[in-house]
PDB file of N, CA and C in Angstrom:
ATOM      1  N   MET A   1    -111.713  52.210 -13.416  1.00  0.00           N
ATOM      2  CA  MET A   1    -112.691  53.189 -13.525  1.00  0.00           C
ATOM      3  C   MET A   1    -113.060  53.935 -13.386  1.00  0.00           C
ATOM      4  N   ALA A   2    -112.660  54.061 -11.236  1.00  0.00           N
ATOM      5  CA  ALA A   2    -112.708  55.342 -11.029  1.00  0.00           C
ATOM      6  C   ALA A   2    -110.688  56.148 -11.517  1.00  0.00           C
ATOM      7  N   LYS A   3    -109.985  55.716 -11.669  1.00  0.00           N
ATOM      8  CA  LYS A   3    -109.271  56.368 -12.221  1.00  0.00           C
ATOM      9  C   LYS A   3    -109.859  57.366 -13.217  1.00  0.00           C
ATOM     10  N   LYS A   4    -110.616  56.595 -14.445  1.00  0.00           N
ATOM     11  CA  LYS A   4    -110.799  57.340 -15.427  1.00  0.00           C
ATOM     12  C   LYS A   4    -112.071  58.595 -15.229  1.00  0.00           C
ATOM     13  N   LYS A   5    -112.971  58.819 -13.962  1.00  0.00           N
ATOM     14  CA  LYS A   5    -113.727  59.298 -13.570  1.00  0.00           C
ATOM     15  C   LYS A   5    -112.958  60.233 -12.952  1.00  0.00           C
ATOM     16  N   SER A   6    -111.815  60.252 -12.449  1.00  0.00           N
ATOM     17  CA  SER A   6    -110.717  60.878 -12.086  1.00  0.00           C
ATOM     18  C   SER A   6    -110.252  62.117 -13.255  1.00  0.00           C
ATOM     19  N   PHE A   7    -109.565  61.116 -14.253  1.00  0.00           N
ATOM     20  CA  PHE A   7    -109.249  61.740 -14.987  1.00  0.00           C
ATOM     21  C   PHE A   7    -110.634  62.510 -15.934  1.00  0.00           C
ATOM     22  N   ASP A   8    -111.538  62.389 -16.077  1.00  0.00           N
ATOM     23  CA  ASP A   8    -112.803  62.699 -16.711  1.00  0.00           C
ATOM     24  C   ASP A   8    -113.415  64.297 -15.829  1.00  0.00           C
ATOM     25  N   ILE A   9    -113.075  64.341 -14.563  1.00  0.00           N
ATOM     26  CA  ILE A   9    -112.856  65.290 -13.353  1.00  0.00           C
ATOM     27  C   ILE A   9    -112.002  66.040 -14.091  1.00  0.00           C
ATOM     28  N   LEU A  10    -110.501  65.477 -13.959  1.00  0.00           N
ATOM     29  CA  LEU A  10    -109.755  66.240 -13.792  1.00  0.00           C
ATOM     30  C   LEU A  10    -109.393  67.598 -15.276  1.00  0.00           C
ATOM     31  N   THR A  11    -110.027  66.999 -16.629  1.00  0.00           N
ATOM     32  CA  THR A  11    -109.969  67.101 -17.634  1.00  0.00           C
ATOM     33  C   THR A  11    -111.164  68.060 -17.086  1.00  0.00           C
ATOM     34  N   GLU A  12    -112.152  68.454 -17.088  1.00  0.00           N
ATOM     35  CA  GLU A  12    -113.384  69.424 -17.021  1.00  0.00           C
ATOM     36  C   GLU A  12    -112.927  70.090 -15.928  1.00  0.00           C
ATOM     37  N   LYS A  13    -112.136  69.700 -15.046  1.00  0.00           N
ATOM     38  CA  LYS A  13    -111.564  71.073 -14.240  1.00  0.00           C
ATOM     39  C   LYS A  13    -111.107  72.392 -14.876  1.00  0.00           C
ATOM     40  N   THR A  14    -109.635  71.510 -15.561  1.00  0.00           N
ATOM     41  CA  THR A  14    -109.016  72.004 -16.511  1.00  0.00           C
ATOM     42  C   THR A  14    -109.576  73.263 -17.450  1.00  0.00           C
ATOM     43  N   ALA A  15    -110.505  72.262 -17.570  1.00  0.00           N
ATOM     44  CA  ALA A  15    -110.882  73.093 -19.487  1.00  0.00           C
ATOM     45  C   ALA A  15    -111.975  74.400 -18.338  1.00  0.00           C
ATOM     46  N   LYS A  16    -112.678  73.861 -16.910  1.00  0.00           N
ATOM     47  CA  LYS A  16    -113.391  74.942 -16.426  1.00  0.00           C
ATOM     48  C   LYS A  16    -112.119  76.319 -16.213  1.00  0.00           C
ATOM     49  N   LEU A  17    -111.155  76.126 -15.557  1.00  0.00           N
ATOM     50  CA  LEU A  17    -109.590  77.409 -15.341  1.00  0.00           C
ATOM     51  C   LEU A  17    -109.397  77.589 -16.313  1.00  0.00           C
ATOM     52  N   GLU A  18    -109.385  77.091 -18.003  1.00  0.00           N
ATOM     53  CA  GLU A  18    -108.970  78.019 -19.004  1.00  0.00           C
ATOM     54  C   GLU A  18    -110.015  79.125 -18.688  1.00  0.00           C
ATOM     55  N   SER A  19    -111.250  78.190 -19.187  1.00  0.00           N
ATOM     56  CA  SER A  19    -112.582  79.453 -19.297  1.00  0.00           C
ATOM     57  C   SER A  19    -112.192  80.412 -18.206  1.00  0.00           C
ATOM     58  N   LEU A  20    -111.880  80.570 -17.477  1.00  0.00           N
ATOM     59  CA  LEU A  20    -112.912  80.881 -16.353  1.00  0.00           C
ATOM     60  C   LEU A  20    -110.910  82.230 -16.263  1.00  0.00           C
ATOM     61  N   ASN A  21    -110.055  81.489 -16.914  1.00  0.00           N
ATOM     62  CA  ASN A  21    -108.982  82.477 -17.094  1.00  0.00           C
ATOM     63  C   ASN A  21    -108.697  83.574 -18.311  1.00  0.00           C
ATOM     64  N   LYS A  22    -109.602  83.017 -19.158  1.00  0.00           N
ATOM     65  CA  LYS A  22    -109.670  83.674 -20.912  1.00  0.00           C
ATOM     66  C   LYS A  22    -111.316  84.880 -19.770  1.00  0.00           C
ATOM     67  N   ASP A  23    -111.870  84.412 -19.549  1.00  0.00           N
ATOM     68  CA  ASP A  23    -113.036  86.042 -18.710  1.00  0.00           C
ATOM     69  C   ASP A  23    -112.445  86.555 -17.887  1.00  0.00           C
ATOM     70  N   ALA A  24    -111.605  86.077 -16.858  1.00  0.00           N
ATOM     71  CA  ALA A  24    -110.740  87.134 -16.745  1.00  0.00           C
ATOM     72  C   ALA A  24    -109.851  88.006 -17.373  1.00  0.00           C
ATOM     73  N   ASN A  25    -109.001  87.092 -18.204  1.00  0.00           N
ATOM     74  CA  ASN A  25    -107.906  88.286 -19.453  1.00  0.00           C
ATOM     75  C   ASN A  25    -108.892  89.119 -19.832  1.00  0.00           C
ATOM     76  N   ASP A  26    -110.251  88.580 -20.452  1.00  0.00           N
ATOM     77  CA  ASP A  26    -111.147  89.167 -21.240  1.00  0.00           C
ATOM     78  C   ASP A  26    -111.753  90.512 -20.577  1.00  0.00           C
ATOM     79  N   ALA A  27    -111.969  90.215 -19.689  1.00  0.00           N
ATOM     80  CA  ALA A  27    -112.646  90.834 -18.035  1.00  0.00           C
ATOM     81  C   ALA A  27    -111.206  92.471 -17.881  1.00  0.00           C
ATOM     82  N   VAL A  28    -110.299  91.817 -17.226  1.00  0.00           N
ATOM     83  CA  VAL A  28    -108.883  92.524 -17.586  1.00  0.00           C
ATOM     84  C   VAL A  28    -108.880  93.809 -18.400  1.00  0.00           C
ATOM     85  N   ASP A  29    -108.874  93.125 -20.135  1.00  0.00           N
ATOM     86  CA  ASP A  29    -108.750  93.332 -21.068  1.00  0.00           C
ATOM     87  C   ASP A  29    -109.637  94.902 -21.194  1.00  0.00           C
ATOM     88  N   LEU A  30    -111.163  94.254 -21.129  1.00  0.00           N
ATOM     89  CA  LEU A  30    -112.403  94.944 -21.203  1.00  0.00           C
ATOM     90  C   LEU A  30    -111.998  96.686 -20.405  1.00  0.00           C
ATOM     91  N   VAL A  31    -111.063  96.417 -19.094  1.00  0.00           N
ATOM     92  CA  VAL A  31    -111.022  96.927 -18.208  1.00  0.00           C
ATOM     93  C   VAL A  31    -110.084  98.612 -18.377  1.00  0.00           C
ATOM     94  N   ASN A  32    -109.061  97.379 -19.540  1.00  0.00           N
ATOM     95  CA  ASN A  32    -108.225  98.692 -20.089  1.00  0.00           C
ATOM     96  C   ASN A  32    -108.356 100.019 -20.681  1.00  0.00           C
ATOM     97  N   ARG A  33    -109.445  98.940 -21.977  1.00  0.00           N
ATOM     98  CA  ARG A  33    -109.698  99.913 -23.005  1.00  0.00           C
ATOM     99  C   ARG A  33    -110.405 100.737 -22.363  1.00  0.00           C
ATOM    100  N   THR A  34    -111.643 101.040 -21.177  1.00  0.00           N
ATOM    101  CA  THR A  34    -112.240 101.486 -20.901  1.00  0.00           C
ATOM    102  C   THR A  34    -111.323 103.224 -19.998  1.00  0.00           C
ATOM    103  N   ILE A  35    -109.775 102.259 -18.676  1.00  0.00           N
ATOM    104  CA  ILE A  35    -109.348 103.205 -18.811  1.00  0.00           C
ATOM    105  C   ILE A  35    -108.600 104.105 -20.098  1.00  0.00           C
ATOM    106  N   SER A  36    -108.887 104.102 -20.862  1.00  0.00           N
ATOM    107  CA  SER A  36    -107.608 103.755 -22.139  1.00  0.00           C
ATOM    108  C   SER A  36    -108.992 104.700 -22.763  1.00  0.00           C
ATOM    109  N   ARG A  37    -109.565 104.553 -23.077  1.00  0.00           N
ATOM    110  CA  ARG A  37    -110.721 105.608 -23.117  1.00  0.00           C
ATOM    111  C   ARG A  37    -110.762 106.560 -22.874  1.00  0.00           C
ATOM    112  N   LEU A  38    -111.543 106.153 -21.686  1.00  0.00           N
ATOM    113  CA  LEU A  38    -111.412 107.501 -20.820  1.00  0.00           C
ATOM    114  C   LEU A  38    -110.900 108.246 -20.758  1.00  0.00           C
ATOM    115  N   SER A  39    -109.488 108.366 -20.231  1.00  0.00           N
ATOM    116  CA  SER A  39    -108.075 109.037 -20.382  1.00  0.00           C
ATOM    117  C   SER A  39    -108.502 109.900 -21.788  1.00  0.00           C
ATOM    118  N   SER A  40    -107.930 109.237 -23.305  1.00  0.00           N
ATOM    119  CA  SER A  40    -108.595 109.698 -24.281  1.00  0.00           C
ATOM    120  C   SER A  40    -109.534 111.268 -24.311  1.00  0.00           C
ATOM    121  N   ILE A  41    -110.556 110.619 -24.066  1.00  0.00           N
ATOM    122  CA  ILE A  41    -112.075 111.878 -23.324  1.00  0.00           C
ATOM    123  C   ILE A  41    -111.625 112.631 -22.860  1.00  0.00           C
ATOM    124  N   ASN A  42    -110.757 112.383 -21.306  1.00  0.00           N
ATOM    125  CA  ASN A  42    -110.370 113.274 -20.530  1.00  0.00           C
ATOM    126  C   ASN A  42    -109.438 114.288 -20.611  1.00  0.00           C
ATOM    127  N   GLN A  43    -108.726 113.697 -21.495  1.00  0.00           N
ATOM    128  CA  GLN A  43    -107.884 114.375 -22.543  1.00  0.00           C
ATOM    129  C   GLN A  43    -108.362 115.736 -23.752  1.00  0.00           C
ATOM    130  N   GLU A  44    -109.083 115.060 -24.798  1.00  0.00           N
ATOM    131  CA  GLU A  44    -110.070 115.805 -25.308  1.00  0.00           C
ATOM    132  C   GLU A  44    -111.115 116.927 -24.923  1.00  0.00           C
ATOM    133  N   THR A  45    -111.736 117.005 -23.469  1.00  0.00           N
ATOM    134  CA  THR A  45    -111.821 117.881 -22.456  1.00  0.00           C
ATOM    135  C   THR A  45    -110.633 118.802 -22.009  1.00  0.00           C
ATOM    136  N   GLN A  46    -110.014 118.504 -21.632  1.00  0.00           N
ATOM    137  CA  GLN A  46    -108.639 119.301 -21.268  1.00  0.00           C
ATOM    138  C   GLN A  46    -108.363 120.090 -22.316  1.00  0.00           C
ATOM    139  N   ASP A  47    -108.434 119.251 -22.922  1.00  0.00           N
ATOM    140  CA  ASP A  47    -107.679 120.410 -24.695  1.00  0.00           C
ATOM    141  C   ASP A  47    -109.318 121.713 -24.963  1.00  0.00           C
ATOM    142  N   THR A  48    -109.856 120.952 -25.307  1.00  0.00           N
ATOM    143  CA  THR A  48    -111.335 122.311 -25.279  1.00  0.00           C
ATOM    144  C   THR A  48    -111.515 123.219 -24.114  1.00  0.00           C
ATOM    145  N   ILE A  49    -111.121 122.910 -23.263  1.00  0.00           N
ATOM    146  CA  ILE A  49    -111.242 123.655 -21.475  1.00  0.00           C
ATOM    147  C   ILE A  49    -109.605 124.920 -22.320  1.00  0.00           C
ATOM    148  N   ASP A  50    -108.779 124.099 -22.699  1.00  0.00           N
ATOM    149  CA  ASP A  50    -107.478 124.555 -22.736  1.00  0.00           C
ATOM    150  C   ASP A  50    -107.627 125.920 -23.932  1.00  0.00           C
ATOM    151  N   GLU A  51    -108.068 125.671 -25.457  1.00  0.00           N
ATOM    152  CA  GLU A  51    -109.067 126.440 -25.845  1.00  0.00           C
ATOM    153  C   GLU A  51    -110.185 127.167 -26.038  1.00  0.00           C
ATOM    154  N   ILE A  52    -110.803 127.332 -24.329  1.00  0.00           N
ATOM    155  CA  ILE A  52    -111.592 128.091 -24.045  1.00  0.00           C
ATOM    156  C   ILE A  52    -111.461 129.163 -23.240  1.00  0.00           C
ATOM    157  N   ASP A  53    -109.796 128.919 -22.877  1.00  0.00           N
ATOM    158  CA  ASP A  53    -109.011 129.699 -21.938  1.00  0.00           C
ATOM    159  C   ASP A  53    -108.102 131.033 -22.614  1.00  0.00           C
ATOM    160  N   SER A  54    -108.686 129.960 -23.415  1.00  0.00           N
ATOM    161  CA  SER A  54    -107.163 130.738 -24.333  1.00  0.00           C
ATOM    162  C   SER A  54    -108.161 132.009 -25.208  1.00  0.00           C
ATOM    163  N   TYR A  55    -109.444 131.574 -25.499  1.00  0.00           N
ATOM    164  CA  TYR A  55    -110.115 131.881 -26.435  1.00  0.00           C
ATOM    165  C   TYR A  55    -110.496 133.500 -25.598  1.00  0.00           C
ATOM    166  N   CYS A  56    -111.101 132.974 -24.121  1.00  0.00           N
ATOM    167  CA  CYS A  56    -111.318 133.955 -23.585  1.00  0.00           C
ATOM    168  C   CYS A  56    -110.132 134.848 -22.539  1.00  0.00           C
ATOM    169  N   ALA A  57    -108.708 134.646 -22.895  1.00  0.00           N
ATOM    170  CA  ALA A  57    -107.735 135.508 -22.674  1.00  0.00           C
ATOM    171  C   ALA A  57    -107.776 136.519 -23.278  1.00  0.00           C
ATOM    172  N   ASN A  58    -107.841 135.646 -24.506  1.00  0.00           N
ATOM    173  CA  ASN A  58    -107.670 136.646 -26.136  1.00  0.00           C
ATOM    174  C   ASN A  58    -108.880 138.132 -26.199  1.00  0.00           C
ATOM    175  N   LEU A  59    -110.557 137.160 -25.934  1.00  0.00           N
ATOM    176  CA  LEU A  59    -111.565 138.471 -25.455  1.00  0.00           C
ATOM    177  C   LEU A  59    -111.019 139.598 -24.767  1.00  0.00           C
ATOM    178  N   MET A  60    -110.743 138.959 -23.019  1.00  0.00           N
ATOM    179  CA  MET A  60    -110.474 139.789 -22.366  1.00  0.00           C
ATOM    180  C   MET A  60    -109.323 140.841 -22.493  1.00  0.00           C
ATOM    181  N   GLU A  61    -108.100 140.536 -23.321  1.00  0.00           N
ATOM    182  CA  GLU A  61    -106.864 141.441 -24.114  1.00  0.00           C
ATOM    183  C   GLU A  61    -107.801 142.669 -24.868  1.00  0.00           C
ATOM    184  N   VAL A  62    -108.882 142.011 -25.577  1.00  0.00           N
ATOM    185  CA  VAL A  62    -109.437 143.237 -26.904  1.00  0.00           C
ATOM    186  C   VAL A  62    -110.138 143.675 -25.950  1.00  0.00           C
ATOM    187  N   LYS A  63    -111.026 142.842 -24.886  1.00  0.00           N
ATOM    188  CA  LYS A  63    -111.810 144.516 -24.079  1.00  0.00           C
ATOM    189  C   LYS A  63    -111.384 145.678 -23.419  1.00  0.00           C
ATOM    190  N   ASN A  64    -109.828 144.735 -23.359  1.00  0.00           N
ATOM    191  CA  ASN A  64    -109.438 145.541 -21.831  1.00  0.00           C
ATOM    192  C   ASN A  64    -108.728 146.578 -22.363  1.00  0.00           C
ATOM    193  N   LYS A  65    -108.014 146.499 -23.879  1.00  0.00           N
ATOM    194  CA  LYS A  65    -107.923 147.448 -25.346  1.00  0.00           C
ATOM    195  C   LYS A  65    -108.932 148.201 -25.592  1.00  0.00           C
ATOM    196  N   LEU A  66    -109.995 147.771 -25.339  1.00  0.00           N
ATOM    197  CA  LEU A  66    -111.715 148.941 -25.832  1.00  0.00           C
ATOM    198  C   LEU A  66    -111.839 149.846 -24.750  1.00  0.00           C
ATOM    199  N   SER A  67    -111.979 149.340 -23.404  1.00  0.00           N
ATOM    200  CA  SER A  67    -111.864 150.403 -22.276  1.00  0.00           C
ATOM    201  C   SER A  67    -110.471 151.181 -22.374  1.00  0.00           C
ATOM    202  N   LYS A  68    -109.719 151.026 -22.434  1.00  0.00           N
ATOM    203  CA  LYS A  68    -108.473 151.567 -22.573  1.00  0.00           C
ATOM    204  C   LYS A  68    -108.619 153.304 -23.754  1.00  0.00           C
ATOM    205  N   ASN A  69    -109.267 152.081 -24.892  1.00  0.00           N
ATOM    206  CA  ASN A  69    -109.352 153.364 -25.917  1.00  0.00           C
ATOM    207  C   ASN A  69    -110.934 154.229 -25.402  1.00  0.00           C
ATOM    208  N   LYS A  70    -111.261 153.579 -25.404  1.00  0.00           N
ATOM    209  CA  LYS A  70    -113.080 154.517 -24.023  1.00  0.00           C
ATOM    210  C   LYS A  70    -112.049 155.319 -23.547  1.00  0.00           C
ATOM    211  N   VAL A  71    -111.806 155.226 -22.547  1.00  0.00           N
ATOM    212  CA  VAL A  71    -111.352 156.442 -21.547  1.00  0.00           C
ATOM    213  C   VAL A  71    -110.577 157.300 -22.612  1.00  0.00           C
ATOM    214  N   HIS A  72    -109.391 157.144 -23.758  1.00  0.00           N
ATOM    215  CA  HIS A  72    -108.566 157.561 -24.013  1.00  0.00           C
ATOM    216  C   HIS A  72    -109.204 158.711 -24.590  1.00  0.00           C
ATOM    217  N   ASN A  73    -110.479 158.109 -25.567  1.00  0.00           N
ATOM    218  CA  ASN A  73    -111.362 159.281 -26.535  1.00  0.00           C
ATOM    219  C   ASN A  73    -112.018 159.884 -25.383  1.00  0.00           C
ATOM    220  N   ALA A  74    -112.832 159.333 -24.070  1.00  0.00           N
ATOM    221  CA  ALA A  74    -113.566 160.522 -23.239  1.00  0.00           C
ATOM    222  C   ALA A  74    -112.632 161.804 -22.948  1.00  0.00           C
ATOM    223  N   ALA A  75    -111.262 160.613 -22.447  1.00  0.00           N
ATOM    224  CA  ALA A  75    -110.305 162.496 -22.417  1.00  0.00           C
ATOM    225  C   ALA A  75    -109.985 163.270 -23.571  1.00  0.00           C
ATOM    226  N   ILE A  76    -110.459 162.865 -25.049  1.00  0.00           N
ATOM    227  CA  ILE A  76    -109.849 163.773 -26.273  1.00  0.00           C
ATOM    228  C   ILE A  76    -111.050 164.923 -25.839  1.00  0.00           C
ATOM    229  N   ILE A  77    -112.428 164.125 -26.190  1.00  0.00           N
ATOM    230  CA  ILE A  77    -113.464 164.912 -25.892  1.00  0.00           C
ATOM    231  C   ILE A  77    -114.033 165.757 -25.174  1.00  0.00           C
ATOM    232  N   SER A  78    -113.357 165.905 -23.611  1.00  0.00           N
ATOM    233  CA  SER A  78    -113.739 166.577 -22.955  1.00  0.00           C
ATOM    234  C   SER A  78    -112.354 167.866 -23.158  1.00  0.00           C
ATOM    235  N   ASN A  79    -111.402 166.803 -23.509  1.00  0.00           N
ATOM    236  CA  ASN A  79    -110.509 168.796 -23.916  1.00  0.00           C
ATOM    237  C   ASN A  79    -110.854 168.962 -24.576  1.00  0.00           C
ATOM    238  N   PHE A  80    -112.099 168.350 -25.965  1.00  0.00           N
ATOM    239  CA  PHE A  80    -112.026 169.426 -27.002  1.00  0.00           C
ATOM    240  C   PHE A  80    -113.255 170.620 -26.721  1.00  0.00           C
ATOM    241  N   SER A  81    -113.656 169.113 -25.849  1.00  0.00           N
ATOM    242  CA  SER A  81    -115.265 170.847 -25.171  1.00  0.00           C
ATOM    243  C   SER A  81    -114.913 171.631 -24.460  1.00  0.00           C
ATOM    244  N   LYS A  82    -113.501 171.195 -23.462  1.00  0.00           N
ATOM    245  CA  LYS A  82    -113.179 172.731 -22.970  1.00  0.00           C
ATOM    246  C   LYS A  82    -112.559 173.952 -24.441  1.00  0.00           C
ATOM    247  N   LEU A  83    -111.485 173.054 -25.007  1.00  0.00           N
ATOM    248  CA  LEU A  83    -111.512 173.975 -25.911  1.00  0.00           C
ATOM    249  C   LEU A  83    -112.124 174.731 -26.829  1.00  0.00           C
ATOM    250  N   LEU A  84    -113.320 174.254 -27.174  1.00  0.00           N
ATOM    251  CA  LEU A  84    -114.280 174.819 -27.347  1.00  0.00           C
ATOM    252  C   LEU A  84    -115.267 175.948 -27.282  1.00  0.00           C
ATOM    253  N   ASN A  85    -115.733 175.603 -25.450  1.00  0.00           N
ATOM    254  CA  ASN A  85    -115.312 176.689 -24.393  1.00  0.00           C
ATOM    255  C   ASN A  85    -115.167 177.487 -24.809  1.00  0.00           C
ATOM    256  N   VAL A  86    -113.877 177.747 -24.609  1.00  0.00           N
ATOM    257  CA  VAL A  86    -112.726 178.519 -24.270  1.00  0.00           C
ATOM    258  C   VAL A  86    -113.055 179.610 -25.576  1.00  0.00           C
ATOM    259  N   ALA A  87    -113.183 178.243 -26.744  1.00  0.00           N
ATOM    260  CA  ALA A  87    -112.827 179.555 -27.778  1.00  0.00           C
ATOM    261  C   ALA A  87    -114.119 180.239 -27.779  1.00  0.00           C
ATOM    262  N   ASP A  88    -115.762 179.602 -27.492  1.00  0.00           N
ATOM    263  CA  ASP A  88    -116.956 180.652 -27.639  1.00  0.00           C
ATOM    264  C   ASP A  88    -116.799 182.003 -26.781  1.00  0.00           C
ATOM    265  N   ASP A  89    -116.446 181.602 -25.223  1.00  0.00           N
ATOM    266  CA  ASP A  89    -116.333 182.642 -24.918  1.00  0.00           C
ATOM    267  C   ASP A  89    -115.548 183.996 -24.905  1.00  0.00           C
ATOM    268  N   GLU A  90    -114.045 183.306 -25.872  1.00  0.00           N
ATOM    269  CA  GLU A  90    -113.163 184.430 -26.325  1.00  0.00           C
ATOM    270  C   GLU A  90    -113.923 185.523 -27.370  1.00  0.00           C
ATOM    271  N   CYS A  91    -115.447 184.311 -28.320  1.00  0.00           N
ATOM    272  CA  CYS A  91    -115.417 185.183 -29.386  1.00  0.00           C
ATOM    273  C   CYS A  91    -117.123 186.083 -28.844  1.00  0.00           C
ATOM    274  N   GLU A  92    -117.675 185.727 -27.987  1.00  0.00           N
ATOM    275  CA  GLU A  92    -118.431 186.455 -27.268  1.00  0.00           C
ATOM    276  C   GLU A  92    -118.113 187.755 -26.372  1.00  0.00           C
ATOM    277  N   SER A  93    -116.621 187.972 -25.699  1.00  0.00           N
ATOM    278  CA  SER A  93    -115.721 188.345 -25.333  1.00  0.00           C
ATOM    279  C   SER A  93    -115.617 189.742 -26.315  1.00  0.00           C
ATOM    280  N   THR A  94    -114.974 189.223 -27.360  1.00  0.00           N
ATOM    281  CA  THR A  94    -114.426 189.954 -28.425  1.00  0.00           C
ATOM    282  C   THR A  94    -115.989 191.209 -29.645  1.00  0.00           C
ATOM    283  N   ILE A  95    -116.862 190.608 -28.831  1.00  0.00           N
ATOM    284  CA  ILE A  95    -118.117 191.498 -29.429  1.00  0.00           C
ATOM    285  C   ILE A  95    -118.430 192.193 -28.949  1.00  0.00           C
TER     286      ILE A  95
END
């Protein structure tokens, strides 16, 4: 009878070990899937950041070109204004 009791305990503990190993493997699998998903989320986040950075760079390029054109146009306006003032002065002096 002692042999049967020790066999039952051995069977019970072996089953418990298998159950704990399965639980541990499931937990490790869950952690690995979580890490994989978080890595995927981080990659998507970085892709979005890269898109925003690219968009910002393009906006800055357009802004710089607009600013350069504005300065250029202001210089032309100034030159034409001076030309008109000279032309007005010449017209008044010939009258």
